[in-house]
Amino acid sequence: MLITIAVILLVLWVLGVVGVYTIGWFIHILLVVAVVMFLVRIIQGKNPIA
């Protein structure tokens, strides 16, 4: 579940970088949230990819 959200946020970020400049800052915030979730999962000792 957590990795699915992170992947969705990463895809939205990529779309924001290549196309939409008006909400680019929001997409970058979503990327930061995805990275934080990924790191929390690693710190908890869970497999971050599964």
PDB file of N, CA and C in Angstrom:
ATOM      1  N   MET A   1       0.820  -1.195   0.000  1.00  0.00           N
ATOM      2  CA  MET A   1       0.000   0.000   0.000  1.00  0.00           C
ATOM      3  C   MET A   1       0.864   1.259   0.000  1.00  0.00           C
ATOM      4  N   LEU A   2       1.827   1.285   0.906  1.00  0.00           N
ATOM      5  CA  LEU A   2       2.690   2.458   1.021  1.00  0.00           C
ATOM      6  C   LEU A   2       3.543   2.648  -0.227  1.00  0.00           C
ATOM      7  N   ILE A   3       4.045   1.551  -0.763  1.00  0.00           N
ATOM      8  CA  ILE A   3       4.880   1.653  -1.963  1.00  0.00           C
ATOM      9  C   ILE A   3       4.042   2.081  -3.165  1.00  0.00           C
ATOM     10  N   THR A   4       2.782   1.689  -3.205  1.00  0.00           N
ATOM     11  CA  THR A   4       1.894   2.102  -4.295  1.00  0.00           C
ATOM     12  C   THR A   4       1.697   3.613  -4.284  1.00  0.00           C
ATOM     13  N   ILE A   5       1.488   4.163  -3.106  1.00  0.00           N
ATOM     14  CA  ILE A   5       1.335   5.612  -2.987  1.00  0.00           C
ATOM     15  C   ILE A   5       2.617   6.318  -3.407  1.00  0.00           C
ATOM     16  N   ALA A   6       3.750   5.781  -2.991  1.00  0.00           N
ATOM     17  CA  ALA A   6       5.035   6.382  -3.353  1.00  0.00           C
ATOM     18  C   ALA A   6       5.243   6.367  -4.864  1.00  0.00           C
ATOM     19  N   VAL A   7       4.889   5.278  -5.517  1.00  0.00           N
ATOM     20  CA  VAL A   7       5.044   5.185  -6.978  1.00  0.00           C
ATOM     21  C   VAL A   7       4.119   6.189  -7.669  1.00  0.00           C
ATOM     22  N   ILE A   8       2.898   6.295  -7.202  1.00  0.00           N
ATOM     23  CA  ILE A   8       1.961   7.259  -7.791  1.00  0.00           C
ATOM     24  C   ILE A   8       2.489   8.680  -7.648  1.00  0.00           C
ATOM     25  N   LEU A   9       3.000   9.007  -6.469  1.00  0.00           N
ATOM     26  CA  LEU A   9       3.558  10.345  -6.248  1.00  0.00           C
ATOM     27  C   LEU A   9       4.775  10.594  -7.131  1.00  0.00           C
ATOM     28  N   LEU A  10       5.593   9.573  -7.324  1.00  0.00           N
ATOM     29  CA  LEU A  10       6.766   9.709  -8.187  1.00  0.00           C
ATOM     30  C   LEU A  10       6.360   9.952  -9.640  1.00  0.00           C
ATOM     31  N   VAL A  11       5.348   9.245 -10.105  1.00  0.00           N
ATOM     32  CA  VAL A  11       4.853   9.452 -11.468  1.00  0.00           C
ATOM     33  C   VAL A  11       4.277  10.859 -11.624  1.00  0.00           C
ATOM     34  N   LEU A  12       3.531  11.312 -10.636  1.00  0.00           N
ATOM     35  CA  LEU A  12       2.993  12.670 -10.687  1.00  0.00           C
ATOM     36  C   LEU A  12       4.109  13.706 -10.714  1.00  0.00           C
ATOM     37  N   TRP A  13       5.172  13.443  -9.956  1.00  0.00           N
ATOM     38  CA  TRP A  13       6.308  14.364  -9.958  1.00  0.00           C
ATOM     39  C   TRP A  13       6.952  14.440 -11.334  1.00  0.00           C
ATOM     40  N   VAL A  14       7.159  13.271 -11.966  1.00  0.00           N
ATOM     41  CA  VAL A  14       7.768  13.252 -13.302  1.00  0.00           C
ATOM     42  C   VAL A  14       6.893  14.024 -14.287  1.00  0.00           C
ATOM     43  N   LEU A  15       5.591  13.828 -14.213  1.00  0.00           N
ATOM     44  CA  LEU A  15       4.691  14.577 -15.085  1.00  0.00           C
ATOM     45  C   LEU A  15       4.785  16.077 -14.826  1.00  0.00           C
ATOM     46  N   GLY A  16       4.928  16.453 -13.580  1.00  0.00           N
ATOM     47  CA  GLY A  16       5.056  17.858 -13.237  1.00  0.00           C
ATOM     48  C   GLY A  16       6.343  18.472 -13.746  1.00  0.00           C
ATOM     49  N   VAL A  17       7.427  17.697 -13.723  1.00  0.00           N
ATOM     50  CA  VAL A  17       8.716  18.211 -14.181  1.00  0.00           C
ATOM     51  C   VAL A  17       8.709  18.428 -15.690  1.00  0.00           C
ATOM     52  N   VAL A  18       8.126  17.510 -16.445  1.00  0.00           N
ATOM     53  CA  VAL A  18       8.189  17.607 -17.901  1.00  0.00           C
ATOM     54  C   VAL A  18       7.084  18.461 -18.514  1.00  0.00           C
ATOM     55  N   GLY A  19       6.048  18.733 -17.754  1.00  0.00           N
ATOM     56  CA  GLY A  19       4.949  19.441 -18.391  1.00  0.00           C
ATOM     57  C   GLY A  19       4.353  20.605 -17.643  1.00  0.00           C
ATOM     58  N   VAL A  20       3.775  20.362 -16.521  1.00  0.00           N
ATOM     59  CA  VAL A  20       2.959  21.371 -15.848  1.00  0.00           C
ATOM     60  C   VAL A  20       3.833  22.200 -14.916  1.00  0.00           C
ATOM     61  N   TYR A  21       4.031  23.470 -15.272  1.00  0.00           N
ATOM     62  CA  TYR A  21       4.890  24.328 -14.462  1.00  0.00           C
ATOM     63  C   TYR A  21       4.110  25.080 -13.397  1.00  0.00           C
ATOM     64  N   THR A  22       2.811  25.199 -13.550  1.00  0.00           N
ATOM     65  CA  THR A  22       2.028  25.985 -12.592  1.00  0.00           C
ATOM     66  C   THR A  22       1.853  25.262 -11.265  1.00  0.00           C
ATOM     67  N   ILE A  23       1.824  23.933 -11.282  1.00  0.00           N
ATOM     68  CA  ILE A  23       1.703  23.184 -10.026  1.00  0.00           C
ATOM     69  C   ILE A  23       2.974  22.401  -9.733  1.00  0.00           C
ATOM     70  N   GLY A  24       4.057  22.827 -10.341  1.00  0.00           N
ATOM     71  CA  GLY A  24       5.332  22.126 -10.157  1.00  0.00           C
ATOM     72  C   GLY A  24       5.773  22.072  -8.707  1.00  0.00           C
ATOM     73  N   TRP A  25       5.559  23.148  -7.962  1.00  0.00           N
ATOM     74  CA  TRP A  25       5.956  23.165  -6.554  1.00  0.00           C
ATOM     75  C   TRP A  25       5.187  22.124  -5.759  1.00  0.00           C
ATOM     76  N   PHE A  26       3.903  21.934  -6.091  1.00  0.00           N
ATOM     77  CA  PHE A  26       3.082  20.943  -5.394  1.00  0.00           C
ATOM     78  C   PHE A  26       3.579  19.533  -5.688  1.00  0.00           C
ATOM     79  N   ILE A  27       3.960  19.282  -6.921  1.00  0.00           N
ATOM     80  CA  ILE A  27       4.477  17.967  -7.303  1.00  0.00           C
ATOM     81  C   ILE A  27       5.779  17.683  -6.558  1.00  0.00           C
ATOM     82  N   HIS A  28       6.617  18.691  -6.391  1.00  0.00           N
ATOM     83  CA  HIS A  28       7.864  18.485  -5.675  1.00  0.00           C
ATOM     84  C   HIS A  28       7.613  18.183  -4.193  1.00  0.00           C
ATOM     85  N   ILE A  29       6.595  18.796  -3.629  1.00  0.00           N
ATOM     86  CA  ILE A  29       6.226  18.471  -2.250  1.00  0.00           C
ATOM     87  C   ILE A  29       5.773  17.016  -2.168  1.00  0.00           C
ATOM     88  N   LEU A  30       5.012  16.563  -3.155  1.00  0.00           N
ATOM     89  CA  LEU A  30       4.566  15.169  -3.178  1.00  0.00           C
ATOM     90  C   LEU A  30       5.758  14.218  -3.300  1.00  0.00           C
ATOM     91  N   LEU A  31       6.770  14.613  -4.064  1.00  0.00           N
ATOM     92  CA  LEU A  31       7.975  13.791  -4.184  1.00  0.00           C
ATOM     93  C   LEU A  31       8.672  13.671  -2.832  1.00  0.00           C
ATOM     94  N   VAL A  32       8.770  14.758  -2.116  1.00  0.00           N
ATOM     95  CA  VAL A  32       9.401  14.722  -0.798  1.00  0.00           C
ATOM     96  C   VAL A  32       8.624  13.793   0.128  1.00  0.00           C
ATOM     97  N   VAL A  33       7.308  13.846   0.063  1.00  0.00           N
ATOM     98  CA  VAL A  33       6.479  12.953   0.882  1.00  0.00           C
ATOM     99  C   VAL A  33       6.747  11.493   0.507  1.00  0.00           C
ATOM    100  N   ALA A  34       6.871  11.190  -0.780  1.00  0.00           N
ATOM    101  CA  ALA A  34       7.134   9.825  -1.233  1.00  0.00           C
ATOM    102  C   ALA A  34       8.488   9.342  -0.729  1.00  0.00           C
ATOM    103  N   VAL A  35       9.496  10.196  -0.782  1.00  0.00           N
ATOM    104  CA  VAL A  35      10.832   9.811  -0.309  1.00  0.00           C
ATOM    105  C   VAL A  35      10.815   9.574   1.202  1.00  0.00           C
ATOM    106  N   VAL A  36      10.114  10.423   1.936  1.00  0.00           N
ATOM    107  CA  VAL A  36      10.020  10.249   3.389  1.00  0.00           C
ATOM    108  C   VAL A  36       9.331   8.930   3.723  1.00  0.00           C
ATOM    109  N   MET A  37       8.252   8.603   3.021  1.00  0.00           N
ATOM    110  CA  MET A  37       7.563   7.332   3.259  1.00  0.00           C
ATOM    111  C   MET A  37       8.478   6.155   2.967  1.00  0.00           C
ATOM    112  N   PHE A  38       9.280   6.265   1.899  1.00  0.00           N
ATOM    113  CA  PHE A  38      10.220   5.220   1.540  1.00  0.00           C
ATOM    114  C   PHE A  38      11.256   5.026   2.651  1.00  0.00           C
ATOM    115  N   LEU A  39      11.799   6.130   3.174  1.00  0.00           N
ATOM    116  CA  LEU A  39      12.800   6.050   4.233  1.00  0.00           C
ATOM    117  C   LEU A  39      12.209   5.511   5.533  1.00  0.00           C
ATOM    118  N   VAL A  40      10.985   5.897   5.859  1.00  0.00           N
ATOM    119  CA  VAL A  40      10.336   5.375   7.060  1.00  0.00           C
ATOM    120  C   VAL A  40      10.180   3.868   6.949  1.00  0.00           C
ATOM    121  N   ARG A  41       9.822   3.397   5.782  1.00  0.00           N
ATOM    122  CA  ARG A  41       9.659   1.950   5.576  1.00  0.00           C
ATOM    123  C   ARG A  41      10.987   1.215   5.749  1.00  0.00           C
ATOM    124  N   ILE A  42      12.083   1.816   5.264  1.00  0.00           N
ATOM    125  CA  ILE A  42      13.404   1.206   5.438  1.00  0.00           C
ATOM    126  C   ILE A  42      13.790   1.193   6.915  1.00  0.00           C
ATOM    127  N   ILE A  43      13.565   2.303   7.608  1.00  0.00           N
ATOM    128  CA  ILE A  43      13.914   2.394   9.029  1.00  0.00           C
ATOM    129  C   ILE A  43      13.124   1.391   9.868  1.00  0.00           C
ATOM    130  N   GLN A  44      11.887   1.141   9.487  1.00  0.00           N
ATOM    131  CA  GLN A  44      11.070   0.178  10.204  1.00  0.00           C
ATOM    132  C   GLN A  44      11.518  -1.257   9.943  1.00  0.00           C
ATOM    133  N   GLY A  45      12.418  -1.446   9.017  1.00  0.00           N
ATOM    134  CA  GLY A  45      12.938  -2.780   8.727  1.00  0.00           C
ATOM    135  C   GLY A  45      12.111  -3.560   7.738  1.00  0.00           C
ATOM    136  N   LYS A  46      11.201  -2.904   7.072  1.00  0.00           N
ATOM    137  CA  LYS A  46      10.367  -3.584   6.073  1.00  0.00           C
ATOM    138  C   LYS A  46      11.015  -3.456   4.695  1.00  0.00           C
ATOM    139  N   ASN A  47      10.654  -4.352   3.815  1.00  0.00           N
ATOM    140  CA  ASN A  47      11.151  -4.293   2.439  1.00  0.00           C
ATOM    141  C   ASN A  47      10.480  -3.104   1.737  1.00  0.00           C
ATOM    142  N   PRO A  48      11.261  -2.099   1.313  1.00  0.00           N
ATOM    143  CA  PRO A  48      10.637  -0.909   0.733  1.00  0.00           C
ATOM    144  C   PRO A  48      10.057  -1.128  -0.657  1.00  0.00           C
ATOM    145  N   ILE A  49      10.370  -2.253  -1.278  1.00  0.00           N
ATOM    146  CA  ILE A  49       9.920  -2.475  -2.659  1.00  0.00           C
ATOM    147  C   ILE A  49       8.696  -3.380  -2.702  1.00  0.00           C
ATOM    148  N   ALA A  50       8.482  -4.173  -1.679  1.00  0.00           N
ATOM    149  CA  ALA A  50       7.338  -5.108  -1.684  1.00  0.00           C
ATOM    150  C   ALA A  50       6.113  -4.487  -1.074  1.00  0.00           C
TER     151      ALA A  50
END
